Amino acid sequence: MEVINLGHAAALWVGLHILLMLVLSALVTRQRQKHKIPFGDEGVPELARAIRAFGNASEYVPVGMAGLIVLDLAGAAPLLVHVGGFILFAGRVTHAVGMSNSGEASVPRAIGMTMTWAAYVYLIAATLFFAII
């Protein structure tokens, strides 16, 4: 009996990344309400950081999700999808924490970006592997 992979492993990570995006979006909204700023950041550092944390995640999460979904649908073992999803999610959360706490370079931001790039490299290798086998 052949087991058909229906994308269940990717669904976990897509769901968690959507949750992360919702939390980051809510943090922007909270800062906008707190400072009564409907558009832009008006030079308020906390709002600028919240906007950039959301924006940075918006730049990196979609490509990672595409990689995880394609890997899952290509028939990769769920563990392979989970490894990529975990590295990406941990990196994005760590980066968001670093962005939210400081507008300067920080260890969490560096670790988060390193993990994000590591997840990208992993997904590149895994998707290309499954494309050629």
C-alpha atoms as a PDB file:
ATOM      1  CA  MET A   1       0.000   0.000   0.000  1.00  0.00           C
ATOM      2  CA  GLU A   2       1.484   3.335  -1.084  1.00  0.00           C
ATOM      3  CA  VAL A   3       1.293   6.207   1.374  1.00  0.00           C
ATOM      4  CA  ILE A   4       0.378   9.465  -0.315  1.00  0.00           C
ATOM      5  CA  ASN A   5       1.806  12.565   1.308  1.00  0.00           C
ATOM      6  CA  LEU A   6      -0.970  15.152   1.395  1.00  0.00           C
ATOM      7  CA  GLY A   7       0.995  18.062   2.784  1.00  0.00           C
ATOM      8  CA  HIS A   8       0.217  17.447   6.442  1.00  0.00           C
ATOM      9  CA  ALA A   9       3.765  18.145   7.631  1.00  0.00           C
ATOM     10  CA  ALA A  10       3.855  21.472   5.814  1.00  0.00           C
ATOM     11  CA  ALA A  11       0.418  22.345   7.206  1.00  0.00           C
ATOM     12  CA  LEU A  12       1.854  22.480  10.735  1.00  0.00           C
ATOM     13  CA  TRP A  13       4.566  24.948   9.760  1.00  0.00           C
ATOM     14  CA  VAL A  14       2.322  27.032   7.538  1.00  0.00           C
ATOM     15  CA  GLY A  15      -0.112  27.329  10.436  1.00  0.00           C
ATOM     16  CA  LEU A  16       2.598  28.325  12.899  1.00  0.00           C
ATOM     17  CA  HIS A  17       4.060  30.887  10.503  1.00  0.00           C
ATOM     18  CA  ILE A  18       0.599  32.384   9.898  1.00  0.00           C
ATOM     19  CA  LEU A  19       0.209  32.619  13.677  1.00  0.00           C
ATOM     20  CA  LEU A  20       3.593  34.372  13.899  1.00  0.00           C
ATOM     21  CA  MET A  21       2.507  36.841  11.206  1.00  0.00           C
ATOM     22  CA  LEU A  22      -0.737  37.510  13.096  1.00  0.00           C
ATOM     23  CA  VAL A  23       1.144  38.177  16.344  1.00  0.00           C
ATOM     24  CA  LEU A  24       3.601  40.508  14.600  1.00  0.00           C
ATOM     25  CA  SER A  25       0.709  42.318  12.911  1.00  0.00           C
ATOM     26  CA  ALA A  26      -1.078  42.701  16.251  1.00  0.00           C
ATOM     27  CA  LEU A  27       2.081  44.190  17.761  1.00  0.00           C
ATOM     28  CA  VAL A  28       2.113  46.831  15.007  1.00  0.00           C
ATOM     29  CA  THR A  29      -1.555  47.595  15.651  1.00  0.00           C
ATOM     30  CA  ARG A  30      -0.942  47.841  19.390  1.00  0.00           C
ATOM     31  CA  GLN A  31       1.884  50.346  18.859  1.00  0.00           C
ATOM     32  CA  ARG A  32      -0.249  52.353  16.402  1.00  0.00           C
ATOM     33  CA  GLN A  33      -3.074  52.575  18.942  1.00  0.00           C
ATOM     34  CA  LYS A  34      -0.733  53.372  21.822  1.00  0.00           C
ATOM     35  CA  HIS A  35       0.904  56.246  19.942  1.00  0.00           C
ATOM     36  CA  LYS A  36      -2.200  57.233  17.920  1.00  0.00           C
ATOM     37  CA  ILE A  37      -0.353  56.892  14.616  1.00  0.00           C
ATOM     38  CA  PRO A  38      -2.564  55.605  11.793  1.00  0.00           C
ATOM     39  CA  PHE A  39       0.111  55.570   9.049  1.00  0.00           C
ATOM     40  CA  GLY A  40       3.896  55.450   8.965  1.00  0.00           C
ATOM     41  CA  ASP A  41       5.876  55.504  12.196  1.00  0.00           C
ATOM     42  CA  GLU A  42       6.290  59.267  12.796  1.00  0.00           C
ATOM     43  CA  GLY A  43       9.735  58.560  14.224  1.00  0.00           C
ATOM     44  CA  VAL A  44       8.463  56.463  17.141  1.00  0.00           C
ATOM     45  CA  PRO A  45      11.166  53.815  17.635  1.00  0.00           C
ATOM     46  CA  GLU A  46       8.866  51.145  19.115  1.00  0.00           C
ATOM     47  CA  LEU A  47       6.459  51.432  16.199  1.00  0.00           C
ATOM     48  CA  ALA A  48       9.262  51.467  13.630  1.00  0.00           C
ATOM     49  CA  ARG A  49      10.689  48.257  15.149  1.00  0.00           C
ATOM     50  CA  ALA A  50       7.279  46.561  15.163  1.00  0.00           C
ATOM     51  CA  ILE A  51       6.708  47.544  11.529  1.00  0.00           C
ATOM     52  CA  ARG A  52      10.124  46.234  10.481  1.00  0.00           C
ATOM     53  CA  ALA A  53       9.723  42.992  12.448  1.00  0.00           C
ATOM     54  CA  PHE A  54       6.465  42.350  10.587  1.00  0.00           C
ATOM     55  CA  GLY A  55       7.925  43.531   7.283  1.00  0.00           C
ATOM     56  CA  ASN A  56      11.018  41.375   7.596  1.00  0.00           C
ATOM     57  CA  ALA A  57       8.925  38.303   8.351  1.00  0.00           C
ATOM     58  CA  SER A  58       6.707  39.187   5.367  1.00  0.00           C
ATOM     59  CA  GLU A  59       9.806  39.156   3.180  1.00  0.00           C
ATOM     60  CA  TYR A  60      11.171  35.787   4.321  1.00  0.00           C
ATOM     61  CA  VAL A  61       8.211  33.638   5.403  1.00  0.00           C
ATOM     62  CA  PRO A  62       6.427  33.240   2.032  1.00  0.00           C
ATOM     63  CA  VAL A  63       9.462  31.793   0.233  1.00  0.00           C
ATOM     64  CA  GLY A  64      10.115  29.431   3.136  1.00  0.00           C
ATOM     65  CA  MET A  65       6.478  28.307   3.107  1.00  0.00           C
ATOM     66  CA  ALA A  66       6.662  27.670  -0.627  1.00  0.00           C
ATOM     67  CA  GLY A  67       9.756  25.535  -0.102  1.00  0.00           C
ATOM     68  CA  LEU A  68       8.140  23.513   2.673  1.00  0.00           C
ATOM     69  CA  ILE A  69       4.949  22.947   0.711  1.00  0.00           C
ATOM     70  CA  VAL A  70       6.788  21.892  -2.430  1.00  0.00           C
ATOM     71  CA  LEU A  71       9.055  19.601  -0.432  1.00  0.00           C
ATOM     72  CA  ASP A  72       6.048  18.013   1.243  1.00  0.00           C
ATOM     73  CA  LEU A  73       4.120  17.602  -1.995  1.00  0.00           C
ATOM     74  CA  ALA A  74       7.212  16.179  -3.740  1.00  0.00           C
ATOM     75  CA  GLY A  75       6.988  13.232  -1.382  1.00  0.00           C
ATOM     76  CA  ALA A  76       9.690  14.028   1.144  1.00  0.00           C
ATOM     77  CA  ALA A  77       9.460  12.210   4.440  1.00  0.00           C
ATOM     78  CA  PRO A  78       7.558  14.319   6.973  1.00  0.00           C
ATOM     79  CA  LEU A  79      10.667  14.471   9.168  1.00  0.00           C
ATOM     80  CA  LEU A  80      12.527  16.297   6.391  1.00  0.00           C
ATOM     81  CA  VAL A  81       9.723  18.855   6.156  1.00  0.00           C
ATOM     82  CA  HIS A  82       9.640  19.246   9.945  1.00  0.00           C
ATOM     83  CA  VAL A  83      13.380  19.876  10.126  1.00  0.00           C
ATOM     84  CA  GLY A  84      13.123  22.695   7.577  1.00  0.00           C
ATOM     85  CA  GLY A  85       9.982  24.084   9.184  1.00  0.00           C
ATOM     86  CA  PHE A  86      11.488  24.067  12.663  1.00  0.00           C
ATOM     87  CA  ILE A  87      14.702  25.790  11.600  1.00  0.00           C
ATOM     88  CA  LEU A  88      12.786  28.458   9.686  1.00  0.00           C
ATOM     89  CA  PHE A  89      10.235  29.033  12.453  1.00  0.00           C
ATOM     90  CA  ALA A  90      12.840  29.199  15.199  1.00  0.00           C
ATOM     91  CA  GLY A  91      14.858  31.619  13.101  1.00  0.00           C
ATOM     92  CA  ARG A  92      11.885  33.850  12.357  1.00  0.00           C
ATOM     93  CA  VAL A  93      10.772  33.954  16.014  1.00  0.00           C
ATOM     94  CA  THR A  94      14.316  34.667  17.217  1.00  0.00           C
ATOM     95  CA  HIS A  95      14.745  37.408  14.627  1.00  0.00           C
ATOM     96  CA  ALA A  96      11.383  38.969  15.499  1.00  0.00           C
ATOM     97  CA  VAL A  97      12.301  39.046  19.198  1.00  0.00           C
ATOM     98  CA  GLY A  98      15.609  40.704  18.349  1.00  0.00           C
ATOM     99  CA  MET A  99      13.901  43.253  16.072  1.00  0.00           C
ATOM    100  CA  SER A 100      11.219  44.037  18.630  1.00  0.00           C
ATOM    101  CA  ASN A 101      13.648  44.588  21.495  1.00  0.00           C
ATOM    102  CA  SER A 102      16.243  46.734  19.763  1.00  0.00           C
ATOM    103  CA  GLY A 103      16.629  48.780  16.628  1.00  0.00           C
ATOM    104  CA  GLU A 104      20.339  48.013  16.678  1.00  0.00           C
ATOM    105  CA  ALA A 105      22.232  44.918  15.617  1.00  0.00           C
ATOM    106  CA  SER A 106      21.745  42.224  18.232  1.00  0.00           C
ATOM    107  CA  VAL A 107      22.599  38.609  18.893  1.00  0.00           C
ATOM    108  CA  PRO A 108      18.968  37.416  18.485  1.00  0.00           C
ATOM    109  CA  ARG A 109      18.688  39.205  15.140  1.00  0.00           C
ATOM    110  CA  ALA A 110      21.952  37.664  13.918  1.00  0.00           C
ATOM    111  CA  ILE A 111      20.992  34.193  15.124  1.00  0.00           C
ATOM    112  CA  GLY A 112      17.529  34.558  13.594  1.00  0.00           C
ATOM    113  CA  MET A 113      18.880  35.541  10.183  1.00  0.00           C
ATOM    114  CA  THR A 114      21.507  32.798  10.293  1.00  0.00           C
ATOM    115  CA  MET A 115      18.803  30.238  11.054  1.00  0.00           C
ATOM    116  CA  THR A 116      16.571  31.659   8.306  1.00  0.00           C
ATOM    117  CA  TRP A 117      19.378  31.395   5.759  1.00  0.00           C
ATOM    118  CA  ALA A 118      20.216  27.901   7.014  1.00  0.00           C
ATOM    119  CA  ALA A 119      16.572  26.924   6.462  1.00  0.00           C
ATOM    120  CA  TYR A 120      16.718  28.416   2.964  1.00  0.00           C
ATOM    121  CA  VAL A 121      19.885  26.456   2.127  1.00  0.00           C
ATOM    122  CA  TYR A 122      18.319  23.286   3.548  1.00  0.00           C
ATOM    123  CA  LEU A 123      15.146  23.821   1.501  1.00  0.00           C
ATOM    124  CA  ILE A 124      17.137  24.575  -1.650  1.00  0.00           C
ATOM    125  CA  ALA A 125      19.103  21.339  -1.269  1.00  0.00           C
ATOM    126  CA  ALA A 126      16.073  19.240  -0.349  1.00  0.00           C
ATOM    127  CA  THR A 127      13.762  20.543  -3.084  1.00  0.00           C
ATOM    128  CA  LEU A 128      16.467  20.183  -5.753  1.00  0.00           C
ATOM    129  CA  PHE A 129      17.219  16.661  -4.502  1.00  0.00           C
ATOM    130  CA  PHE A 130      13.561  15.664  -4.817  1.00  0.00           C
ATOM    131  CA  ALA A 131      13.366  17.366  -8.218  1.00  0.00           C
ATOM    132  CA  ILE A 132      16.083  15.144  -9.654  1.00  0.00           C
ATOM    133  CA  ILE A 133      15.406  11.777  -8.002  1.00  0.00           C
END
